[in-house]
Amino acid sequence: MAKYRKKPVVIDAWKIEPAIQEGELAQAVVDGKLKYCEDGSVLIATLEGTMQGFPGDWIICGVNGEYYPCKPDIFAKTYDAVE
């Protein structure tokens, strides 16, 4: 067994807030990658299929431009803000 370190990658991320669709997120809605639901959740077309994010979760844009949801506790353990 060998040990590996995750490569440092800078990502774009947005906290899911009801009905907020700005900038790149608005374009992702137009492109059919994201769909905001009446209950404030978001349906996200991922490489693994459709996933659902909820208010307080994060939407992450991956290294290949794909989107996926991330729970706040996992986000806090995995990512640091970049100045």
C-alpha atoms as a PDB file:
ATOM      1  CA  MET A   1       0.000   0.000   0.000  1.00  0.00           C
ATOM      2  CA  ALA A   2       1.175   3.527  -0.812  1.00  0.00           C
ATOM      3  CA  LYS A   3      -0.106   6.840   0.558  1.00  0.00           C
ATOM      4  CA  TYR A   4      -1.329   9.662  -1.662  1.00  0.00           C
ATOM      5  CA  ARG A   5      -2.187  13.304  -1.050  1.00  0.00           C
ATOM      6  CA  LYS A   6      -5.092  14.954  -2.851  1.00  0.00           C
ATOM      7  CA  LYS A   7      -3.821  17.545  -5.339  1.00  0.00           C
ATOM      8  CA  PRO A   8      -4.605  21.113  -4.364  1.00  0.00           C
ATOM      9  CA  VAL A   9      -7.311  22.296  -6.727  1.00  0.00           C
ATOM     10  CA  VAL A  10      -9.105  25.639  -6.629  1.00  0.00           C
ATOM     11  CA  ILE A  11     -12.852  25.203  -7.166  1.00  0.00           C
ATOM     12  CA  ASP A  12     -15.866  27.483  -7.524  1.00  0.00           C
ATOM     13  CA  ALA A  13     -18.609  26.855  -4.975  1.00  0.00           C
ATOM     14  CA  TRP A  14     -21.941  28.404  -4.032  1.00  0.00           C
ATOM     15  CA  LYS A  15     -24.043  27.910  -0.920  1.00  0.00           C
ATOM     16  CA  ILE A  16     -27.561  26.789  -1.842  1.00  0.00           C
ATOM     17  CA  GLU A  17     -30.032  29.492  -0.919  1.00  0.00           C
ATOM     18  CA  PRO A  18     -33.682  29.472  -2.003  1.00  0.00           C
ATOM     19  CA  ALA A  19     -34.245  31.007  -5.448  1.00  0.00           C
ATOM     20  CA  ILE A  20     -30.759  32.518  -5.802  1.00  0.00           C
ATOM     21  CA  GLN A  21     -29.479  31.951  -9.325  1.00  0.00           C
ATOM     22  CA  GLU A  22     -26.711  34.362 -10.169  1.00  0.00           C
ATOM     23  CA  GLY A  23     -23.875  34.436 -12.668  1.00  0.00           C
ATOM     24  CA  GLU A  24     -22.597  30.993 -13.561  1.00  0.00           C
ATOM     25  CA  LEU A  25     -25.437  29.308 -11.661  1.00  0.00           C
ATOM     26  CA  ALA A  26     -28.021  31.135 -13.768  1.00  0.00           C
ATOM     27  CA  GLN A  27     -26.299  29.852 -16.908  1.00  0.00           C
ATOM     28  CA  ALA A  28     -26.227  26.312 -15.463  1.00  0.00           C
ATOM     29  CA  VAL A  29     -30.019  26.548 -15.006  1.00  0.00           C
ATOM     30  CA  VAL A  30     -30.421  27.687 -18.614  1.00  0.00           C
ATOM     31  CA  ASP A  31     -28.153  24.830 -19.749  1.00  0.00           C
ATOM     32  CA  GLY A  32     -30.277  22.300 -17.834  1.00  0.00           C
ATOM     33  CA  LYS A  33     -27.514  21.359 -15.373  1.00  0.00           C
ATOM     34  CA  LEU A  34     -29.381  22.765 -12.344  1.00  0.00           C
ATOM     35  CA  LYS A  35     -33.070  23.007 -11.520  1.00  0.00           C
ATOM     36  CA  TYR A  36     -34.353  24.915  -8.503  1.00  0.00           C
ATOM     37  CA  CYS A  37     -37.376  23.334  -6.825  1.00  0.00           C
ATOM     38  CA  GLU A  38     -40.232  25.043  -4.977  1.00  0.00           C
ATOM     39  CA  ASP A  39     -38.993  23.661  -1.629  1.00  0.00           C
ATOM     40  CA  GLY A  40     -35.634  25.465  -2.046  1.00  0.00           C
ATOM     41  CA  SER A  41     -33.697  22.363  -3.041  1.00  0.00           C
ATOM     42  CA  VAL A  42     -31.747  22.042  -6.271  1.00  0.00           C
ATOM     43  CA  LEU A  43     -31.646  19.111  -8.685  1.00  0.00           C
ATOM     44  CA  ILE A  44     -28.130  18.799 -10.066  1.00  0.00           C
ATOM     45  CA  ALA A  45     -27.205  16.818 -13.171  1.00  0.00           C
ATOM     46  CA  THR A  46     -23.951  15.108 -12.153  1.00  0.00           C
ATOM     47  CA  LEU A  47     -21.724  12.588 -13.900  1.00  0.00           C
ATOM     48  CA  GLU A  48     -23.311   9.923 -11.641  1.00  0.00           C
ATOM     49  CA  GLY A  49     -26.896  10.987 -12.369  1.00  0.00           C
ATOM     50  CA  THR A  50     -29.262  13.534 -10.842  1.00  0.00           C
ATOM     51  CA  MET A  51     -28.490  14.475  -7.241  1.00  0.00           C
ATOM     52  CA  GLN A  52     -30.362  16.807  -4.909  1.00  0.00           C
ATOM     53  CA  GLY A  53     -28.865  19.605  -2.840  1.00  0.00           C
ATOM     54  CA  PHE A  54     -30.717  21.381  -0.052  1.00  0.00           C
ATOM     55  CA  PRO A  55     -30.538  24.884   1.431  1.00  0.00           C
ATOM     56  CA  GLY A  56     -27.281  25.149   3.377  1.00  0.00           C
ATOM     57  CA  ASP A  57     -25.507  22.606   1.143  1.00  0.00           C
ATOM     58  CA  TRP A  58     -22.901  23.724  -1.364  1.00  0.00           C
ATOM     59  CA  ILE A  59     -22.849  23.408  -5.154  1.00  0.00           C
ATOM     60  CA  ILE A  60     -19.313  22.685  -6.310  1.00  0.00           C
ATOM     61  CA  CYS A  61     -18.032  23.096  -9.843  1.00  0.00           C
ATOM     62  CA  GLY A  62     -15.504  20.325 -10.472  1.00  0.00           C
ATOM     63  CA  VAL A  63     -12.272  20.444 -12.444  1.00  0.00           C
ATOM     64  CA  ASN A  64     -14.083  19.502 -15.672  1.00  0.00           C
ATOM     65  CA  GLY A  65     -16.924  22.013 -15.257  1.00  0.00           C
ATOM     66  CA  GLU A  66     -19.327  19.469 -13.745  1.00  0.00           C
ATOM     67  CA  TYR A  67     -21.549  20.378 -10.787  1.00  0.00           C
ATOM     68  CA  TYR A  68     -22.334  18.373  -7.697  1.00  0.00           C
ATOM     69  CA  PRO A  69     -23.754  18.978  -4.204  1.00  0.00           C
ATOM     70  CA  CYS A  70     -21.703  18.859  -1.008  1.00  0.00           C
ATOM     71  CA  LYS A  71     -22.962  18.787   2.584  1.00  0.00           C
ATOM     72  CA  PRO A  72     -21.690  21.687   4.737  1.00  0.00           C
ATOM     73  CA  ASP A  73     -19.713  19.498   7.169  1.00  0.00           C
ATOM     74  CA  ILE A  74     -17.844  17.742   4.343  1.00  0.00           C
ATOM     75  CA  PHE A  75     -17.250  21.073   2.599  1.00  0.00           C
ATOM     76  CA  ALA A  76     -15.755  22.568   5.797  1.00  0.00           C
ATOM     77  CA  LYS A  77     -13.410  19.571   6.246  1.00  0.00           C
ATOM     78  CA  THR A  78     -12.310  19.542   2.611  1.00  0.00           C
ATOM     79  CA  TYR A  79     -12.038  23.166   1.444  1.00  0.00           C
ATOM     80  CA  ASP A  80     -10.435  26.387   2.671  1.00  0.00           C
ATOM     81  CA  ALA A  81     -11.278  29.825   1.304  1.00  0.00           C
ATOM     82  CA  VAL A  82      -8.799  31.215  -1.256  1.00  0.00           C
ATOM     83  CA  GLU A  83      -7.925  34.876  -1.026  1.00  0.00           C
END
